[in-house]
Protein backbone atom coordinates (compact mmCIF):
# COMPACT_ATOMS: atom_id res chain seq x y z
CA MET A 1 179.92 -10.85 102.90
CA ALA A 2 180.53 -8.97 99.60
CA PRO A 3 179.49 -10.63 96.33
CA PRO A 4 182.31 -12.25 94.28
CA ALA A 5 184.21 -10.08 91.87
CA SER A 6 184.60 -10.94 88.15
CA PRO A 7 188.12 -11.32 86.56
CA SER A 8 187.83 -7.66 85.37
CA GLY A 9 187.37 -6.48 88.92
CA ASN A 10 183.74 -5.60 88.60
CA LEU A 11 181.34 -6.86 91.17
CA ARG A 12 178.79 -9.41 89.91
CA ALA A 13 175.25 -9.19 91.00
CA PRO A 14 173.87 -12.33 92.58
CA ARG A 15 171.87 -14.47 90.14
CA PRO A 16 168.18 -14.27 90.96
CA VAL A 17 166.48 -17.49 92.13
CA GLU A 18 163.79 -18.69 89.72
CA ARG A 19 160.55 -19.65 91.40
CA THR A 20 157.91 -21.84 89.76
CA SER A 21 154.51 -20.36 90.17
CA PRO A 22 151.40 -22.53 90.89
CA ALA A 23 150.10 -21.78 87.37
CA ARG A 24 153.47 -22.92 85.90
CA LYS A 25 153.31 -26.10 87.88
CA GLU A 26 149.79 -26.65 86.83
CA GLU A 27 150.82 -26.22 83.18
CA ALA A 28 153.58 -28.74 83.67
CA LEU A 29 151.12 -31.27 84.81
CA GLY A 30 148.58 -30.68 81.99
CA THR A 31 146.03 -33.12 80.63
CA LEU A 32 146.21 -35.97 78.10
CA ALA A 33 145.20 -33.57 75.40
CA SER A 34 147.76 -30.92 76.19
CA THR A 35 150.40 -33.67 76.22
CA LEU A 36 149.57 -35.06 72.82
CA VAL A 37 148.57 -31.80 71.01
CA PRO A 38 151.44 -30.32 68.80
CA ARG A 39 153.16 -27.19 70.31
CA ALA A 40 152.98 -25.21 66.93
CA ARG A 41 150.27 -22.70 67.23
CA ALA A 42 148.37 -23.42 63.96
CA SER A 43 148.61 -27.15 64.46
CA ALA A 44 147.59 -26.86 68.16
CA THR A 45 144.51 -24.88 67.28
CA ALA A 46 143.36 -27.32 64.69
CA SER A 47 144.08 -30.19 67.02
CA ARG A 48 142.07 -28.51 69.86
CA ILE A 49 139.10 -28.04 67.48
CA ALA A 50 139.24 -31.60 66.43
CA LEU A 51 139.38 -32.76 70.08
CA VAL A 52 136.33 -30.66 70.96
CA VAL A 53 134.37 -32.12 68.07
CA ALA A 54 135.58 -35.68 68.84
CA GLY A 55 134.46 -35.30 72.48
CA SER A 56 131.01 -34.25 71.47
CA LEU A 57 130.76 -37.11 69.03
CA LEU A 58 131.90 -39.59 71.69
CA VAL A 59 129.13 -38.52 74.09
CA ALA A 60 126.62 -38.53 71.25
CA ALA A 61 127.54 -42.17 70.40
CA LEU A 62 127.40 -43.30 74.02
CA ALA A 63 123.94 -41.49 74.38
CA GLN A 64 122.51 -44.16 72.05
CA LEU A 65 123.32 -46.84 74.55
CA GLU A 66 120.25 -46.50 76.81
CA ILE A 67 118.01 -48.51 79.05
CA HIS A 68 114.52 -47.23 79.91
CA LEU A 69 113.31 -47.86 83.46
CA PRO A 70 109.46 -48.02 83.91
CA PHE A 71 109.43 -45.86 87.06
CA THR A 72 111.46 -42.85 85.90
CA PRO A 73 111.57 -40.56 82.89
CA VAL A 74 115.34 -40.41 83.00
CA PRO A 75 116.97 -43.34 81.10
CA ILE A 76 120.31 -45.03 81.86
CA THR A 77 122.79 -44.11 79.15
CA GLY A 78 126.45 -44.24 78.46
CA GLN A 79 126.69 -40.49 78.32
CA THR A 80 128.15 -40.04 81.75
CA LEU A 81 131.15 -42.26 80.93
CA GLY A 82 131.78 -40.08 77.93
CA VAL A 83 131.47 -36.78 79.87
CA LEU A 84 133.90 -37.94 82.56
CA LEU A 85 136.46 -39.06 79.97
CA VAL A 86 136.15 -35.96 77.86
CA GLY A 87 136.47 -33.66 80.80
CA ALA A 88 139.55 -35.44 82.13
CA ALA A 89 141.28 -35.82 78.78
CA LEU A 90 140.61 -32.31 77.41
CA GLY A 91 140.79 -30.27 80.63
CA PRO A 92 138.30 -27.70 81.90
CA GLY A 93 138.17 -25.31 78.99
CA LEU A 94 138.09 -27.75 76.05
CA GLY A 95 136.03 -30.19 78.02
CA ALA A 96 133.32 -27.72 78.76
CA ALA A 97 133.50 -26.44 75.17
CA SER A 98 133.05 -29.99 73.87
CA MET A 99 129.90 -30.53 76.05
CA GLY A 100 128.61 -27.10 74.94
CA LEU A 101 129.07 -28.10 71.41
CA TYR A 102 127.28 -31.34 72.07
CA LEU A 103 124.25 -29.47 73.48
CA LEU A 104 124.35 -27.19 70.42
CA GLU A 105 124.52 -30.11 68.02
CA GLY A 106 121.47 -31.81 69.67
CA GLY A 107 119.59 -28.46 70.03
CA VAL A 108 119.78 -27.68 66.28
CA GLY A 109 118.35 -31.01 65.39
CA LEU A 110 121.03 -33.70 65.16
CA PRO A 111 119.83 -36.91 66.83
CA PHE A 112 122.59 -36.79 69.52
CA PHE A 113 120.59 -36.93 72.70
CA ALA A 114 119.45 -40.18 74.43
CA GLY A 115 117.50 -42.40 72.07
CA GLY A 116 118.13 -40.18 69.09
CA ALA A 117 116.22 -37.21 70.61
CA SER A 118 117.04 -33.68 69.57
CA GLY A 119 115.69 -30.10 69.64
CA TRP A 120 115.77 -27.22 72.05
CA SER A 121 112.71 -28.56 73.88
CA VAL A 122 115.07 -31.23 75.43
CA LEU A 123 117.10 -28.54 76.98
CA GLN A 124 114.29 -26.44 78.40
CA MET A 125 113.23 -26.22 82.08
CA THR A 126 110.14 -28.36 81.30
CA SER A 127 112.34 -31.26 80.20
CA ALA A 128 113.01 -33.91 82.79
CA THR A 129 116.48 -34.60 81.44
CA GLY A 130 117.47 -31.02 80.57
CA GLY A 131 119.27 -30.50 83.88
CA TYR A 132 121.51 -33.53 83.39
CA LEU A 133 122.43 -32.30 79.88
CA TRP A 134 123.32 -28.78 81.05
CA GLY A 135 125.12 -30.42 83.98
CA PHE A 136 127.46 -32.12 81.46
CA VAL A 137 129.16 -28.72 80.84
CA ALA A 138 129.87 -28.17 84.51
CA THR A 139 130.85 -31.78 85.13
CA ALA A 140 133.43 -31.76 82.30
CA ALA A 141 134.80 -28.45 83.64
CA VAL A 142 135.28 -29.71 87.17
CA VAL A 143 136.65 -33.05 86.22
CA GLY A 144 139.04 -31.30 83.75
CA TRP A 145 140.10 -28.94 86.39
CA LEU A 146 141.03 -31.79 88.80
CA ALA A 147 142.69 -33.78 85.97
CA ARG A 148 144.86 -30.73 85.14
CA ARG A 149 146.15 -30.89 88.68
CA GLY A 150 147.11 -34.54 88.27
CA TRP A 151 144.11 -36.39 89.81
CA ASP A 152 143.74 -38.60 86.87
CA ARG A 153 147.27 -40.01 87.10
CA SER A 154 146.37 -42.71 89.58
CA PHE A 155 143.32 -44.99 90.05
CA ARG A 156 142.60 -43.50 93.50
CA GLY A 157 142.84 -39.97 92.33
CA ALA A 158 140.77 -40.62 89.20
CA VAL A 159 138.00 -42.27 91.32
CA ALA A 160 137.90 -39.13 93.51
CA ALA A 161 137.75 -36.83 90.51
CA MET A 162 135.04 -38.76 88.77
CA LEU A 163 132.98 -39.00 92.05
CA ILE A 164 133.16 -35.26 92.44
CA GLY A 165 132.08 -34.89 88.85
CA GLU A 166 129.11 -37.16 89.46
CA VAL A 167 128.08 -35.07 92.49
CA VAL A 168 128.21 -31.96 90.31
CA LEU A 169 126.04 -33.57 87.68
CA TYR A 170 123.32 -34.64 90.07
CA ALA A 171 123.50 -31.32 91.95
CA VAL A 172 122.29 -29.69 88.63
CA GLY A 173 120.10 -32.50 87.32
CA VAL A 174 118.06 -33.52 90.41
CA PRO A 175 116.71 -30.08 91.37
CA TRP A 176 116.01 -29.41 87.63
CA LEU A 177 114.03 -32.68 87.54
CA ALA A 178 112.06 -31.66 90.60
CA ALA A 179 111.17 -28.35 88.95
CA ALA A 180 110.23 -29.96 85.64
CA LEU A 181 107.93 -32.56 87.11
CA GLY A 182 106.57 -30.33 89.98
CA VAL A 183 107.63 -32.84 92.68
CA SER A 184 109.47 -32.66 95.89
CA LEU A 185 113.31 -32.87 96.05
CA GLU A 186 112.90 -36.23 97.89
CA ARG A 187 110.80 -37.65 95.04
CA ALA A 188 113.30 -36.24 92.51
CA LEU A 189 116.03 -38.19 94.28
CA GLU A 190 113.97 -41.33 94.03
CA LEU A 191 113.33 -40.78 90.28
CA GLY A 192 116.61 -39.18 89.25
CA LEU A 193 119.43 -40.37 91.48
CA TYR A 194 118.87 -43.62 93.43
CA PRO A 195 118.16 -45.80 90.38
CA PHE A 196 121.40 -44.81 88.68
CA VAL A 197 123.86 -45.09 91.56
CA VAL A 198 125.08 -48.62 90.77
CA GLY A 199 125.38 -47.98 87.09
CA ASP A 200 127.16 -44.69 87.54
CA LEU A 201 129.61 -46.22 89.89
CA LEU A 202 130.41 -48.81 87.25
CA LYS A 203 131.00 -46.09 84.66
CA LEU A 204 132.99 -44.14 87.19
CA PHE A 205 135.32 -47.00 87.90
CA ALA A 206 135.63 -47.75 84.18
CA ALA A 207 136.85 -44.13 83.55
CA ALA A 208 139.14 -44.30 86.58
CA VAL A 209 140.80 -47.40 85.10
CA LEU A 210 141.10 -46.04 81.55
CA LEU A 211 142.66 -42.73 82.36
CA PRO A 212 145.65 -43.85 84.39
CA THR A 213 146.25 -46.60 81.80
CA ALA A 214 146.17 -43.94 78.97
CA TRP A 215 148.78 -41.92 80.97
CA ARG A 216 151.03 -44.92 81.23
CA LEU A 217 150.88 -45.51 77.51
CA VAL A 218 151.59 -41.85 76.85
CA ARG A 219 154.61 -41.83 79.24
CA GLY A 220 155.85 -45.09 77.60
CA GLU A 221 155.77 -43.41 74.17
CA GLU A 222 157.55 -40.33 75.50
CA ARG A 223 160.40 -42.48 76.91
CA GLY A 224 160.72 -44.35 73.65
CA PRO A 225 160.97 -48.09 73.02
CA GLY A 226 164.68 -48.31 73.85
CA SER A 227 164.47 -46.58 77.30
CA ARG A 228 164.14 -48.32 80.57
């Protein structure tokens, strides 16, 4: 069948069908930060820098909430909750950058690590907690990657994203702990994983509640007070 003719008699070419690429769909989902950050380039850059700094300060503050256990050199802290929230809220790039900044801040001497510790020695291979700290960068990136794909919109999806993030954290931290202490992997699990499972599950569920709640608040603001 021939394409329709225009009033002037010229044949009109069929209009191309626009397809939404996976990257465009991903961009449409976005993260909390990308939803709230202004679109203007200068304002967006300043806002992103502020978010990266704020994320590092949040984790630094939560690091001071610690409980020492007598049978392990790794303390229980609030850091993990902060890492999960920062990764999900900022996305993979900004989340990882925020955690990288956090390590830099503590490394140069700011008392930002657990218990006010600082210095590059905390991040070295001989440090029992160094692997967990470096694991924060990977954890934030993975959780942010999942959040960008909409996993943080619901409680169930957020729980799954946070659980995967925890697995990444311990996949880095536990082998590092074994190498730092010169113990077997089984012993490292006893020292650096098993004692923290219950506490980390509580922090995981807290993050999984906060994120969908934040999204509901953001959507409510976007609809406006007069909308239904």
